[in-house]
N, C-alpha and C. Protein backbone atom coordinates (compact mmCIF):
# COMPACT_ATOMS: atom_id res chain seq x y z
N MET A 1 -17.01 0.16 -3.62
CA MET A 1 -16.86 0.58 -2.13
C MET A 1 -15.98 1.82 -2.12
N ALA A 2 -16.37 2.77 -1.38
CA ALA A 2 -15.57 4.38 -1.62
C ALA A 2 -14.45 4.24 -0.79
N TYR A 3 -13.63 5.00 -1.05
CA TYR A 3 -12.24 5.16 -0.34
C TYR A 3 -11.90 6.57 -0.04
N ASP A 4 -10.80 6.55 0.82
CA ASP A 4 -10.44 7.78 1.61
C ASP A 4 -9.70 8.78 0.58
N GLU A 5 -10.43 9.79 -0.06
CA GLU A 5 -9.97 10.61 -1.04
C GLU A 5 -8.91 11.51 -0.41
N VAL A 6 -8.70 11.82 0.70
CA VAL A 6 -7.81 12.66 1.35
C VAL A 6 -6.67 11.68 1.51
N LEU A 7 -6.66 10.49 1.87
CA LEU A 7 -5.35 9.46 1.99
C LEU A 7 -4.86 9.18 0.60
N ALA A 8 -5.82 9.08 -0.49
CA ALA A 8 -5.48 9.08 -1.83
C ALA A 8 -4.69 10.28 -2.50
N ASP A 9 -5.13 11.38 -2.16
CA ASP A 9 -4.45 12.39 -2.21
C ASP A 9 -3.02 12.55 -1.64
N ARG A 10 -2.99 12.22 -0.61
CA ARG A 10 -1.49 12.34 0.32
C ARG A 10 -0.61 11.42 -0.48
N LEU A 11 -1.13 10.31 -1.03
CA LEU A 11 -0.30 9.15 -1.93
C LEU A 11 -0.03 9.91 -3.09
N ARG A 12 -0.82 10.50 -3.80
CA ARG A 12 -0.64 11.03 -5.12
C ARG A 12 0.60 12.46 -5.05
N GLU A 13 0.62 12.85 -3.98
CA GLU A 13 1.67 14.26 -3.71
C GLU A 13 2.79 13.35 -3.84
N ARG A 14 2.75 12.26 -3.07
CA ARG A 14 4.36 11.79 -2.94
C ARG A 14 4.72 10.78 -4.08
N LEU A 15 3.74 10.32 -4.86
CA LEU A 15 4.06 9.43 -5.87
C LEU A 15 4.16 9.86 -7.27
N GLN A 16 3.56 10.91 -7.41
CA GLN A 16 3.30 11.61 -8.75
C GLN A 16 4.42 11.62 -9.59
N ASP A 17 5.49 12.10 -8.92
CA ASP A 17 6.72 12.58 -9.90
C ASP A 17 7.54 11.21 -10.12
N ARG A 18 7.35 10.22 -9.58
CA ARG A 18 8.31 8.93 -9.54
C ARG A 18 8.07 8.53 -10.92
N PRO A 19 9.18 7.96 -11.36
CA PRO A 19 9.29 7.12 -12.77
C PRO A 19 8.57 6.03 -12.51
N GLY A 20 7.74 5.73 -13.47
CA GLY A 20 7.30 4.19 -13.52
C GLY A 20 6.06 4.02 -12.75
N VAL A 21 5.55 4.87 -11.84
CA VAL A 21 4.34 4.83 -11.22
C VAL A 21 3.08 5.21 -11.93
N ALA A 22 1.96 4.38 -11.71
CA ALA A 22 0.88 4.72 -12.38
C ALA A 22 -0.32 4.34 -11.36
N GLU A 23 -1.36 5.06 -11.60
CA GLU A 23 -2.57 4.96 -10.64
C GLU A 23 -3.37 4.12 -11.23
N LYS A 24 -4.07 3.19 -10.59
CA LYS A 24 -5.23 2.27 -10.90
C LYS A 24 -6.36 2.10 -10.07
N ARG A 25 -7.66 1.93 -10.61
CA ARG A 25 -8.50 1.38 -9.73
C ARG A 25 -8.69 -0.09 -9.68
N MET A 26 -8.54 -0.42 -8.14
CA MET A 26 -8.29 -1.81 -7.94
C MET A 26 -8.72 -2.46 -6.71
N PHE A 27 -9.58 -3.41 -6.21
CA PHE A 27 -9.59 -4.07 -5.01
C PHE A 27 -10.77 -3.07 -4.45
N GLY A 28 -11.71 -2.53 -5.26
CA GLY A 28 -12.78 -1.44 -4.91
C GLY A 28 -11.86 -0.35 -4.31
N GLY A 29 -10.84 0.03 -4.51
CA GLY A 29 -10.18 1.25 -4.09
C GLY A 29 -9.19 1.67 -5.26
N LEU A 30 -8.28 2.15 -4.62
CA LEU A 30 -7.32 2.70 -5.50
C LEU A 30 -5.91 2.33 -5.38
N ALA A 31 -5.04 1.96 -6.52
CA ALA A 31 -3.70 1.42 -6.09
C ALA A 31 -2.83 2.32 -6.93
N PHE A 32 -1.55 2.10 -6.61
CA PHE A 32 -0.33 2.88 -7.25
C PHE A 32 0.44 1.59 -7.67
N LEU A 33 0.87 1.65 -8.73
CA LEU A 33 1.62 0.64 -9.35
C LEU A 33 3.09 1.15 -9.63
N THR A 34 4.29 0.37 -9.36
CA THR A 34 5.55 0.86 -9.83
C THR A 34 6.04 -0.27 -11.02
N ASP A 35 5.96 0.05 -12.11
CA ASP A 35 6.27 -0.34 -13.34
C ASP A 35 5.62 -1.74 -13.43
N GLY A 36 4.14 -1.53 -12.98
CA GLY A 36 3.09 -2.40 -13.14
C GLY A 36 2.83 -3.39 -11.98
N ASN A 37 3.77 -3.13 -10.84
CA ASN A 37 3.31 -3.96 -9.72
C ASN A 37 2.88 -3.21 -8.61
N MET A 38 1.69 -3.67 -8.24
CA MET A 38 1.22 -2.80 -7.04
C MET A 38 2.32 -2.72 -5.82
N THR A 39 2.26 -1.43 -5.42
CA THR A 39 3.16 -0.97 -4.52
C THR A 39 2.18 -0.63 -3.01
N VAL A 40 1.39 0.31 -3.26
CA VAL A 40 0.65 0.88 -2.14
C VAL A 40 -0.90 1.28 -2.72
N GLY A 41 -1.73 1.32 -1.90
CA GLY A 41 -3.24 1.62 -2.23
C GLY A 41 -3.91 2.06 -1.44
N VAL A 42 -5.22 2.28 -1.51
CA VAL A 42 -6.17 2.87 -0.59
C VAL A 42 -7.43 1.77 -0.63
N HIS A 43 -7.70 1.35 0.60
CA HIS A 43 -9.30 0.50 0.46
C HIS A 43 -9.74 1.10 1.52
N GLY A 44 -11.02 1.36 1.40
CA GLY A 44 -12.02 2.11 2.46
C GLY A 44 -10.88 3.36 3.15
N ASP A 45 -10.91 3.31 4.38
CA ASP A 45 -9.95 4.01 4.90
C ASP A 45 -8.53 3.70 5.46
N ASP A 46 -8.33 2.75 4.87
CA ASP A 46 -6.89 2.19 5.17
C ASP A 46 -5.90 2.05 4.09
N LEU A 47 -4.60 2.04 4.28
CA LEU A 47 -3.68 1.88 3.32
C LEU A 47 -3.27 0.52 3.24
N ILE A 48 -3.13 0.24 1.69
CA ILE A 48 -2.66 -1.22 1.50
C ILE A 48 -1.21 -0.90 1.37
N VAL A 49 -0.28 -2.14 1.84
CA VAL A 49 0.92 -2.04 1.69
C VAL A 49 1.42 -3.21 1.15
N ARG A 50 2.44 -3.29 0.12
CA ARG A 50 2.84 -4.70 -0.34
C ARG A 50 4.21 -4.77 0.14
N LEU A 51 4.65 -5.74 0.87
CA LEU A 51 5.92 -5.86 1.36
C LEU A 51 6.14 -7.54 0.89
N SER A 52 7.57 -7.71 1.17
CA SER A 52 7.96 -9.20 1.03
C SER A 52 7.13 -10.09 2.02
N PRO A 53 6.87 -11.36 1.65
CA PRO A 53 6.14 -12.13 2.78
C PRO A 53 6.75 -11.99 3.94
N GLN A 54 8.16 -12.24 4.39
CA GLN A 54 8.78 -12.02 5.47
C GLN A 54 8.54 -10.71 6.09
N THR A 55 8.56 -9.67 5.50
CA THR A 55 8.55 -8.39 6.24
C THR A 55 7.13 -7.98 6.57
N GLY A 56 6.26 -8.84 5.55
CA GLY A 56 4.84 -8.50 5.75
C GLY A 56 4.47 -9.28 7.16
N ASP A 57 4.77 -10.27 7.30
CA ASP A 57 4.62 -11.12 8.52
C ASP A 57 5.05 -10.20 9.90
N ALA A 58 6.22 -9.71 9.82
CA ALA A 58 6.78 -8.97 11.06
C ALA A 58 5.89 -7.72 11.05
N ALA A 59 5.64 -7.00 10.10
CA ALA A 59 4.93 -5.64 10.00
C ALA A 59 3.52 -5.55 10.86
N LEU A 60 2.90 -7.17 10.65
CA LEU A 60 1.57 -7.26 11.40
C LEU A 60 1.61 -7.04 12.71
N THR A 61 2.76 -6.91 13.71
CA THR A 61 2.77 -6.72 14.79
C THR A 61 3.12 -5.30 15.34
N GLY A 62 3.26 -4.26 14.16
CA GLY A 62 2.75 -2.97 14.44
C GLY A 62 1.60 -2.25 14.57
N PRO A 63 1.33 -1.06 15.30
CA PRO A 63 -0.02 -0.61 15.63
C PRO A 63 -0.97 -0.21 14.36
N GLY A 64 -2.02 -0.47 14.19
CA GLY A 64 -3.04 -0.42 13.17
C GLY A 64 -2.91 -1.52 12.13
N THR A 65 -2.00 -2.39 12.03
CA THR A 65 -1.89 -3.20 10.93
C THR A 65 -2.74 -4.32 11.19
N ARG A 66 -3.19 -4.73 9.99
CA ARG A 66 -3.82 -6.23 9.78
C ARG A 66 -3.67 -7.00 8.38
N PRO A 67 -3.86 -8.20 8.45
CA PRO A 67 -3.58 -8.84 6.86
C PRO A 67 -4.80 -8.09 5.76
N PHE A 68 -4.18 -7.94 4.63
CA PHE A 68 -5.03 -7.74 3.50
C PHE A 68 -5.66 -8.93 3.44
N ASP A 69 -7.13 -8.92 3.52
CA ASP A 69 -8.05 -10.15 3.50
C ASP A 69 -9.41 -9.52 2.99
N ILE A 70 -9.52 -9.44 1.47
CA ILE A 70 -11.14 -9.19 1.04
C ILE A 70 -11.70 -10.21 0.60
N THR A 71 -10.94 -11.24 0.78
CA THR A 71 -11.59 -12.86 -0.11
C THR A 71 -11.76 -13.80 0.94
N GLY A 72 -11.29 -13.73 2.01
CA GLY A 72 -11.36 -14.89 2.95
C GLY A 72 -10.13 -15.42 3.11
N ARG A 73 -9.14 -15.23 1.98
CA ARG A 73 -7.89 -15.65 1.90
C ARG A 73 -6.90 -14.63 1.80
N PRO A 74 -6.09 -14.19 3.24
CA PRO A 74 -5.21 -13.42 3.36
C PRO A 74 -4.04 -13.27 2.21
N MET A 75 -3.47 -12.36 1.78
CA MET A 75 -2.55 -12.37 0.90
C MET A 75 -1.23 -12.11 1.56
N ARG A 76 -0.38 -13.08 1.57
CA ARG A 76 1.10 -12.81 2.40
C ARG A 76 1.90 -11.98 1.70
N GLY A 77 2.28 -11.06 2.67
CA GLY A 77 3.13 -9.98 2.32
C GLY A 77 2.27 -8.47 2.08
N TRP A 78 1.04 -8.64 2.00
CA TRP A 78 -0.04 -7.52 1.87
C TRP A 78 -0.60 -7.10 3.24
N ILE A 79 -0.28 -6.09 3.50
CA ILE A 79 -1.24 -5.51 4.98
C ILE A 79 -1.88 -4.36 4.76
N LEU A 80 -2.84 -4.27 5.52
CA LEU A 80 -3.53 -2.79 5.73
C LEU A 80 -3.10 -2.25 6.81
N VAL A 81 -3.21 -0.99 6.82
CA VAL A 81 -2.65 0.04 7.76
C VAL A 81 -3.79 1.06 8.13
N ALA A 82 -4.36 1.08 9.18
CA ALA A 82 -5.51 1.77 9.67
C ALA A 82 -4.97 3.15 9.47
N GLY A 83 -5.97 4.05 8.60
CA GLY A 83 -6.00 5.29 8.25
C GLY A 83 -5.33 6.31 9.56
N ASP A 84 -5.94 5.97 10.60
CA ASP A 84 -5.73 6.85 12.00
C ASP A 84 -4.55 6.45 12.49
N HIS A 85 -3.50 5.69 11.75
CA HIS A 85 -2.04 5.34 12.35
C HIS A 85 -1.30 5.93 11.27
N LEU A 86 -1.49 6.93 10.50
CA LEU A 86 -0.76 7.42 9.22
C LEU A 86 -0.41 8.87 9.34
N ASP A 87 0.31 9.22 10.20
CA ASP A 87 0.67 10.68 10.18
C ASP A 87 1.82 10.50 8.96
N ASP A 88 2.38 11.60 8.70
CA ASP A 88 3.21 11.88 7.60
C ASP A 88 4.48 11.01 7.72
N ALA A 89 4.96 10.94 8.72
CA ALA A 89 6.17 10.03 8.69
C ALA A 89 5.93 8.62 8.71
N ASP A 90 4.96 8.19 9.23
CA ASP A 90 4.70 6.65 9.13
C ASP A 90 4.08 6.45 7.80
N LEU A 91 3.35 7.40 6.96
CA LEU A 91 3.10 7.01 5.58
C LEU A 91 4.11 6.82 4.76
N ASP A 92 5.15 7.88 4.83
CA ASP A 92 6.27 7.65 4.18
C ASP A 92 6.91 6.62 4.33
N ARG A 93 7.16 6.13 5.59
CA ARG A 93 8.08 4.90 5.94
C ARG A 93 7.36 3.89 5.07
N TRP A 94 6.03 3.67 5.32
CA TRP A 94 5.29 2.41 4.53
C TRP A 94 5.53 2.59 2.87
N ILE A 95 5.44 3.87 2.41
CA ILE A 95 5.89 3.85 0.97
C ILE A 95 7.14 3.51 1.06
N ALA A 96 8.08 3.69 1.62
CA ALA A 96 9.54 3.46 1.16
C ALA A 96 9.70 2.09 1.43
N GLU A 97 8.96 1.28 2.47
CA GLU A 97 9.34 -0.11 2.51
C GLU A 97 8.55 -0.85 1.41
N ALA A 98 7.37 -0.45 0.85
CA ALA A 98 6.74 -1.12 -0.08
C ALA A 98 7.71 -0.86 -1.45
N THR A 99 8.11 0.14 -1.49
CA THR A 99 8.74 0.51 -2.78
C THR A 99 10.04 -0.39 -2.88
N ALA A 100 10.87 -0.49 -1.71
CA ALA A 100 12.07 -0.97 -1.74
C ALA A 100 11.73 -2.35 -2.11
N PHE A 101 10.52 -3.18 -1.59
CA PHE A 101 10.28 -4.57 -2.02
C PHE A 101 10.01 -4.42 -3.43
N VAL A 102 9.00 -3.60 -3.98
CA VAL A 102 8.55 -3.59 -5.25
C VAL A 102 9.45 -3.47 -6.41
N VAL A 103 10.52 -2.85 -6.15
CA VAL A 103 11.59 -2.50 -7.14
C VAL A 103 12.14 -3.83 -7.38
N THR A 104 12.25 -4.71 -6.66
CA THR A 104 13.01 -5.99 -6.67
C THR A 104 12.45 -6.89 -7.76
N LEU A 105 11.07 -6.55 -8.06
CA LEU A 105 10.18 -7.47 -8.58
C LEU A 105 10.43 -7.15 -10.33
N PRO A 106 10.09 -8.27 -11.05
CA PRO A 106 10.34 -7.94 -12.62
C PRO A 106 9.19 -6.99 -13.03
N PRO A 107 9.45 -6.08 -14.15
CA PRO A 107 8.33 -5.23 -14.28
C PRO A 107 7.13 -6.07 -15.08
N LYS A 108 6.01 -5.59 -15.16
CA LYS A 108 4.86 -6.03 -15.79
C LYS A 108 4.65 -5.65 -17.02
């Protein structure tokens, strides 16, 4: 599956200088990991965001959001945000929310 290169570049710009962040192909798209834990990514034209299960459930009420479900079993705390709902402020907010959760996880 192809993914939105423009969205990938927007993520790279924001994450490339952060310590512990690596880029990796995953889920048929592109993922950005912090200390080995997936933080955000691109799947098709959408942003993948990893949040706590509670925050993820609440985030699903936001515009352009839906569960991250590529196997028929949604992953709790993981959401997709439609690319057309990602102005710079929204993208920065999603990255910040995902990072705030992922830094609480043990490094892999």
